[in-house]
Amino acid sequence: MSERLKVAIFGSANLTGPAEYQAQIEALGGELASKDIDIFVGSTTGLIGLFLQGVHKAKKVSHVKLVAYGDQRYMSINDIDELILKDCYFSRLSVLCECEVFIVLDGQLGTMAETMVTWNRLQANKEFNRKLIIFGDVESTKIKFLLDNFIFSKQAYRELVYFAKDVEDVIQMTSSMLKLHE
C-alpha cells in the first residue's frame, strides 16, 4: 500500500452560508474522517471548525493536520493530530499544495486566494493527478467567480476541477483518488 491520500480543506475561518450548507460541511467532516487519509486544514474556526466537529463525532480513521503560521498558534487543536507551524502564509500554503485533493468550501478572499494559488501551481507544474473540488451551490457568486476563471484554462486543466453539490459527490470524487493508494 502506498502512502495515504492527502486532502486539503480550504474554507472560511468564519461561519458563512445557510444552515443547510453548514450541516453538510459537518457531515463531510464525518465522512472523510472515516477514510484512511491525511486531512490538512489551515484553521480550526468557522466552516473549518464545523468540518472538524464532524471529524470529532465520527469513528475517526483519518489523520488531521493543522498547518498554521505566525500567531495562529492560539487556535484550538482538540481534533488535530498534528500541528505543523510555519513562519508565513506562503510556507503554510506550500505544505497545503502538496496534497492531491483540494476541497474548497465557501469562503472569503483568503479562501479564494488559496484556491487560485493552488490552481496556478497545478497548471504551472502540470500536475494532472490532482483534483480541485468546489463544494457548494454552483449558483453562488464565489463559485461563479471560480468557474469563470477556470473556463479560460486549457481543457486538460479544466478537467482537474470538479463541482460537488453535496457530500455524496465529494466522497465519490475523493474515493476515486483513494483507490490509487490501495
C-alpha atoms as a PDB file:
ATOM      1  CA  MET A   1       0.000   0.000   0.000  1.00  0.00           C
ATOM      2  CA  SER A   2       1.314   3.448  -0.867  1.00  0.00           C
ATOM      3  CA  GLU A   3       1.352   6.483   1.393  1.00  0.00           C
ATOM      4  CA  ARG A   4      -2.015   7.881   2.457  1.00  0.00           C
ATOM      5  CA  LEU A   5      -4.076  10.196   0.261  1.00  0.00           C
ATOM      6  CA  LYS A   6      -3.553  13.838   1.276  1.00  0.00           C
ATOM      7  CA  VAL A   7      -6.665  16.032   1.266  1.00  0.00           C
ATOM      8  CA  ALA A   8      -6.582  19.803   1.904  1.00  0.00           C
ATOM      9  CA  ILE A   9      -9.695  21.620   3.070  1.00  0.00           C
ATOM     10  CA  PHE A  10      -9.921  25.302   2.084  1.00  0.00           C
ATOM     11  CA  GLY A  11     -12.708  27.319   3.634  1.00  0.00           C
ATOM     12  CA  SER A  12     -13.736  30.262   5.708  1.00  0.00           C
ATOM     13  CA  ALA A  13     -12.457  30.710   9.245  1.00  0.00           C
ATOM     14  CA  ASN A  14     -15.848  32.399   9.784  1.00  0.00           C
ATOM     15  CA  LEU A  15     -19.329  30.891   9.690  1.00  0.00           C
ATOM     16  CA  THR A  16     -20.847  31.605   6.285  1.00  0.00           C
ATOM     17  CA  GLY A  17     -23.680  30.225   4.200  1.00  0.00           C
ATOM     18  CA  PRO A  18     -27.094  28.880   5.166  1.00  0.00           C
ATOM     19  CA  ALA A  19     -27.605  26.378   7.994  1.00  0.00           C
ATOM     20  CA  GLU A  20     -28.221  23.564   5.492  1.00  0.00           C
ATOM     21  CA  TYR A  21     -24.792  24.131   3.899  1.00  0.00           C
ATOM     22  CA  GLN A  22     -23.133  24.281   7.319  1.00  0.00           C
ATOM     23  CA  ALA A  23     -24.741  20.943   8.240  1.00  0.00           C
ATOM     24  CA  GLN A  24     -23.370  19.441   5.019  1.00  0.00           C
ATOM     25  CA  ILE A  25     -19.876  20.620   5.917  1.00  0.00           C
ATOM     26  CA  GLU A  26     -20.092  18.936   9.314  1.00  0.00           C
ATOM     27  CA  ALA A  27     -21.344  15.753   7.612  1.00  0.00           C
ATOM     28  CA  LEU A  28     -18.455  15.962   5.148  1.00  0.00           C
ATOM     29  CA  GLY A  29     -16.005  16.073   8.063  1.00  0.00           C
ATOM     30  CA  GLY A  30     -17.547  12.905   9.474  1.00  0.00           C
ATOM     31  CA  GLU A  31     -17.454  11.086   6.143  1.00  0.00           C
ATOM     32  CA  LEU A  32     -13.841  11.998   5.404  1.00  0.00           C
ATOM     33  CA  ALA A  33     -12.779  11.160   8.970  1.00  0.00           C
ATOM     34  CA  SER A  34     -13.779   7.546   8.368  1.00  0.00           C
ATOM     35  CA  LYS A  35     -11.378   7.232   5.412  1.00  0.00           C
ATOM     36  CA  ASP A  36      -7.718   6.213   5.689  1.00  0.00           C
ATOM     37  CA  ILE A  37      -6.428   9.640   4.601  1.00  0.00           C
ATOM     38  CA  ASP A  38      -4.434  12.615   5.840  1.00  0.00           C
ATOM     39  CA  ILE A  39      -6.599  15.733   6.146  1.00  0.00           C
ATOM     40  CA  PHE A  40      -4.902  19.143   6.148  1.00  0.00           C
ATOM     41  CA  VAL A  41      -6.675  22.254   7.439  1.00  0.00           C
ATOM     42  CA  GLY A  42      -5.475  25.824   7.869  1.00  0.00           C
ATOM     43  CA  SER A  43      -7.822  26.843  10.676  1.00  0.00           C
ATOM     44  CA  THR A  44      -9.965  25.420  13.454  1.00  0.00           C
ATOM     45  CA  THR A  45     -12.718  28.035  13.410  1.00  0.00           C
ATOM     46  CA  GLY A  46     -15.700  28.938  11.231  1.00  0.00           C
ATOM     47  CA  LEU A  47     -16.587  26.493   8.462  1.00  0.00           C
ATOM     48  CA  ILE A  48     -13.366  24.591   9.086  1.00  0.00           C
ATOM     49  CA  GLY A  49     -14.418  24.328  12.733  1.00  0.00           C
ATOM     50  CA  LEU A  50     -17.749  22.808  11.633  1.00  0.00           C
ATOM     51  CA  PHE A  51     -15.852  20.372   9.434  1.00  0.00           C
ATOM     52  CA  LEU A  52     -13.705  19.418  12.459  1.00  0.00           C
ATOM     53  CA  GLN A  53     -16.853  18.937  14.593  1.00  0.00           C
ATOM     54  CA  GLY A  54     -17.919  16.309  12.067  1.00  0.00           C
ATOM     55  CA  VAL A  55     -14.485  14.704  12.319  1.00  0.00           C
ATOM     56  CA  HIS A  56     -14.802  14.662  16.115  1.00  0.00           C
ATOM     57  CA  LYS A  57     -18.217  12.946  16.031  1.00  0.00           C
ATOM     58  CA  ALA A  58     -17.145  10.243  13.572  1.00  0.00           C
ATOM     59  CA  LYS A  59     -15.391   6.967  14.048  1.00  0.00           C
ATOM     60  CA  LYS A  60     -12.111   8.540  13.048  1.00  0.00           C
ATOM     61  CA  VAL A  61      -9.530   6.703  10.976  1.00  0.00           C
ATOM     62  CA  SER A  62      -8.056   9.748   9.259  1.00  0.00           C
ATOM     63  CA  HIS A  63      -5.120  11.788  10.498  1.00  0.00           C
ATOM     64  CA  VAL A  64      -5.859  15.538  10.803  1.00  0.00           C
ATOM     65  CA  LYS A  65      -3.060  18.096  10.489  1.00  0.00           C
ATOM     66  CA  LEU A  66      -3.360  21.808  11.201  1.00  0.00           C
ATOM     67  CA  VAL A  67      -0.965  23.870   9.079  1.00  0.00           C
ATOM     68  CA  ALA A  68      -0.677  27.251  10.809  1.00  0.00           C
ATOM     69  CA  TYR A  69       1.701  30.185  10.718  1.00  0.00           C
ATOM     70  CA  GLY A  70       2.823  33.054  12.906  1.00  0.00           C
ATOM     71  CA  ASP A  71       0.480  33.876  15.763  1.00  0.00           C
ATOM     72  CA  GLN A  72      -2.128  31.311  14.735  1.00  0.00           C
ATOM     73  CA  ARG A  73      -0.804  29.003  17.439  1.00  0.00           C
ATOM     74  CA  TYR A  74      -3.668  30.069  19.712  1.00  0.00           C
ATOM     75  CA  MET A  75      -6.202  28.084  17.678  1.00  0.00           C
ATOM     76  CA  SER A  76      -7.959  25.187  19.361  1.00  0.00           C
ATOM     77  CA  ILE A  77      -6.347  21.894  18.466  1.00  0.00           C
ATOM     78  CA  ASN A  78      -8.792  19.468  20.092  1.00  0.00           C
ATOM     79  CA  ASP A  79      -9.440  17.491  16.914  1.00  0.00           C
ATOM     80  CA  ILE A  80      -5.959  17.897  15.453  1.00  0.00           C
ATOM     81  CA  ASP A  81      -3.466  15.026  15.420  1.00  0.00           C
ATOM     82  CA  GLU A  82      -0.504  17.112  14.345  1.00  0.00           C
ATOM     83  CA  LEU A  83       0.349  20.816  14.347  1.00  0.00           C
ATOM     84  CA  ILE A  84       2.622  21.979  11.532  1.00  0.00           C
ATOM     85  CA  LEU A  85       3.762  25.507  12.349  1.00  0.00           C
ATOM     86  CA  LYS A  86       5.225  27.586   9.513  1.00  0.00           C
ATOM     87  CA  ASP A  87       6.729  31.070   9.538  1.00  0.00           C
ATOM     88  CA  CYS A  88       4.440  32.727   6.970  1.00  0.00           C
ATOM     89  CA  TYR A  89       1.344  32.341   4.797  1.00  0.00           C
ATOM     90  CA  PHE A  90       3.300  31.201   1.747  1.00  0.00           C
ATOM     91  CA  SER A  91       5.276  28.469   3.510  1.00  0.00           C
ATOM     92  CA  ARG A  92       1.989  27.299   5.038  1.00  0.00           C
ATOM     93  CA  LEU A  93       0.344  27.258   1.612  1.00  0.00           C
ATOM     94  CA  SER A  94       3.263  25.319   0.135  1.00  0.00           C
ATOM     95  CA  VAL A  95       2.527  22.490   2.598  1.00  0.00           C
ATOM     96  CA  LEU A  96      -1.167  22.508   1.651  1.00  0.00           C
ATOM     97  CA  CYS A  97      -0.254  22.495  -2.072  1.00  0.00           C
ATOM     98  CA  GLU A  98       1.449  19.114  -1.616  1.00  0.00           C
ATOM     99  CA  CYS A  99      -1.970  17.488  -1.227  1.00  0.00           C
ATOM    100  CA  GLU A 100      -3.615  15.514  -4.016  1.00  0.00           C
ATOM    101  CA  VAL A 101      -7.220  16.544  -3.402  1.00  0.00           C
ATOM    102  CA  PHE A 102      -8.313  20.085  -2.576  1.00  0.00           C
ATOM    103  CA  ILE A 103     -11.836  20.581  -1.276  1.00  0.00           C
ATOM    104  CA  VAL A 104     -12.929  24.211  -1.433  1.00  0.00           C
ATOM    105  CA  LEU A 105     -15.728  25.263   0.910  1.00  0.00           C
ATOM    106  CA  ASP A 106     -17.401  28.653   0.967  1.00  0.00           C
ATOM    107  CA  GLY A 107     -15.069  31.432   1.980  1.00  0.00           C
ATOM    108  CA  GLN A 108     -13.937  34.962   1.553  1.00  0.00           C
ATOM    109  CA  LEU A 109     -10.840  36.441  -0.032  1.00  0.00           C
ATOM    110  CA  GLY A 110      -8.421  34.122   1.818  1.00  0.00           C
ATOM    111  CA  THR A 111     -10.192  31.006   0.582  1.00  0.00           C
ATOM    112  CA  MET A 112     -10.360  32.343  -2.972  1.00  0.00           C
ATOM    113  CA  ALA A 113      -6.659  33.292  -2.850  1.00  0.00           C
ATOM    114  CA  GLU A 114      -5.655  29.823  -1.599  1.00  0.00           C
ATOM    115  CA  THR A 115      -7.754  28.224  -4.313  1.00  0.00           C
ATOM    116  CA  MET A 116      -6.329  30.359  -7.111  1.00  0.00           C
ATOM    117  CA  VAL A 117      -2.696  29.937  -5.951  1.00  0.00           C
ATOM    118  CA  THR A 118      -3.204  26.175  -5.767  1.00  0.00           C
ATOM    119  CA  TRP A 119      -4.859  26.184  -9.204  1.00  0.00           C
ATOM    120  CA  ASN A 120      -1.968  28.190 -10.631  1.00  0.00           C
ATOM    121  CA  ARG A 121       0.547  25.766  -9.124  1.00  0.00           C
ATOM    122  CA  LEU A 122      -1.246  22.739 -10.572  1.00  0.00           C
ATOM    123  CA  GLN A 123      -1.112  24.294 -14.032  1.00  0.00           C
ATOM    124  CA  ALA A 124       2.487  25.508 -13.773  1.00  0.00           C
ATOM    125  CA  ASN A 125       3.741  22.120 -12.608  1.00  0.00           C
ATOM    126  CA  LYS A 126       1.448  20.185 -14.973  1.00  0.00           C
ATOM    127  CA  GLU A 127       0.133  18.114 -12.076  1.00  0.00           C
ATOM    128  CA  PHE A 128      -2.702  16.174 -13.683  1.00  0.00           C
ATOM    129  CA  ASN A 129      -3.041  13.596 -10.910  1.00  0.00           C
ATOM    130  CA  ARG A 130      -4.768  16.056  -8.568  1.00  0.00           C
ATOM    131  CA  LYS A 131      -8.369  17.149  -8.019  1.00  0.00           C
ATOM    132  CA  LEU A 132      -9.765  20.511  -7.056  1.00  0.00           C
ATOM    133  CA  ILE A 133     -13.305  20.001  -5.758  1.00  0.00           C
ATOM    134  CA  ILE A 134     -15.520  23.053  -5.345  1.00  0.00           C
ATOM    135  CA  PHE A 135     -18.176  22.156  -2.764  1.00  0.00           C
ATOM    136  CA  GLY A 136     -21.358  24.185  -2.680  1.00  0.00           C
ATOM    137  CA  ASP A 137     -24.054  25.902  -4.635  1.00  0.00           C
ATOM    138  CA  VAL A 138     -22.951  26.368  -8.263  1.00  0.00           C
ATOM    139  CA  GLU A 139     -25.135  29.493  -8.366  1.00  0.00           C
ATOM    140  CA  SER A 140     -23.227  31.280  -5.591  1.00  0.00           C
ATOM    141  CA  THR A 141     -21.213  34.359  -6.514  1.00  0.00           C
ATOM    142  CA  LYS A 142     -17.924  32.819  -5.371  1.00  0.00           C
ATOM    143  CA  ILE A 143     -18.456  29.598  -7.292  1.00  0.00           C
ATOM    144  CA  LYS A 144     -19.354  31.588 -10.414  1.00  0.00           C
ATOM    145  CA  PHE A 145     -16.137  33.601  -9.962  1.00  0.00           C
ATOM    146  CA  LEU A 146     -14.086  30.410  -9.842  1.00  0.00           C
ATOM    147  CA  LEU A 147     -15.953  28.866 -12.754  1.00  0.00           C
ATOM    148  CA  ASP A 148     -15.436  31.978 -14.880  1.00  0.00           C
ATOM    149  CA  ASN A 149     -11.701  31.848 -14.181  1.00  0.00           C
ATOM    150  CA  PHE A 150     -11.358  28.117 -14.841  1.00  0.00           C
ATOM    151  CA  ILE A 151     -13.215  28.365 -18.164  1.00  0.00           C
ATOM    152  CA  PHE A 152     -10.260  30.147 -19.780  1.00  0.00           C
ATOM    153  CA  SER A 153      -7.827  27.382 -18.866  1.00  0.00           C
ATOM    154  CA  LYS A 154      -6.716  24.665 -21.269  1.00  0.00           C
ATOM    155  CA  GLN A 155      -9.121  21.724 -21.435  1.00  0.00           C
ATOM    156  CA  ALA A 156      -6.667  19.383 -19.680  1.00  0.00           C
ATOM    157  CA  TYR A 157      -6.515  21.727 -16.692  1.00  0.00           C
ATOM    158  CA  ARG A 158     -10.275  22.278 -16.567  1.00  0.00           C
ATOM    159  CA  GLU A 159     -10.625  18.530 -16.136  1.00  0.00           C
ATOM    160  CA  LEU A 160      -8.881  18.869 -12.755  1.00  0.00           C
ATOM    161  CA  VAL A 161     -11.771  20.974 -11.427  1.00  0.00           C
ATOM    162  CA  TYR A 162     -14.917  19.306 -10.145  1.00  0.00           C
ATOM    163  CA  PHE A 163     -18.094  20.819  -8.755  1.00  0.00           C
ATOM    164  CA  ALA A 164     -19.807  18.917  -5.962  1.00  0.00           C
ATOM    165  CA  LYS A 165     -23.327  19.830  -4.924  1.00  0.00           C
ATOM    166  CA  ASP A 166     -23.457  17.563  -1.859  1.00  0.00           C
ATOM    167  CA  VAL A 167     -21.410  15.339   0.462  1.00  0.00           C
ATOM    168  CA  GLU A 168     -22.078  12.242  -1.648  1.00  0.00           C
ATOM    169  CA  ASP A 169     -20.482  13.922  -4.694  1.00  0.00           C
ATOM    170  CA  VAL A 170     -17.372  14.854  -2.702  1.00  0.00           C
ATOM    171  CA  ILE A 171     -16.992  11.356  -1.260  1.00  0.00           C
ATOM    172  CA  GLN A 172     -17.394   9.769  -4.683  1.00  0.00           C
ATOM    173  CA  MET A 173     -14.757  12.074  -6.195  1.00  0.00           C
ATOM    174  CA  THR A 174     -12.375  11.551  -3.276  1.00  0.00           C
ATOM    175  CA  SER A 175     -12.871   7.776  -3.302  1.00  0.00           C
ATOM    176  CA  SER A 176     -11.657   7.556  -6.889  1.00  0.00           C
ATOM    177  CA  MET A 177      -8.388   9.167  -5.753  1.00  0.00           C
ATOM    178  CA  LEU A 178      -8.259   6.944  -2.654  1.00  0.00           C
ATOM    179  CA  LYS A 179      -8.243   3.846  -4.875  1.00  0.00           C
ATOM    180  CA  LEU A 180      -4.888   4.957  -6.261  1.00  0.00           C
ATOM    181  CA  HIS A 181      -3.433   4.461  -2.756  1.00  0.00           C
ATOM    182  CA  GLU A 182      -4.696   0.937  -2.167  1.00  0.00           C
END
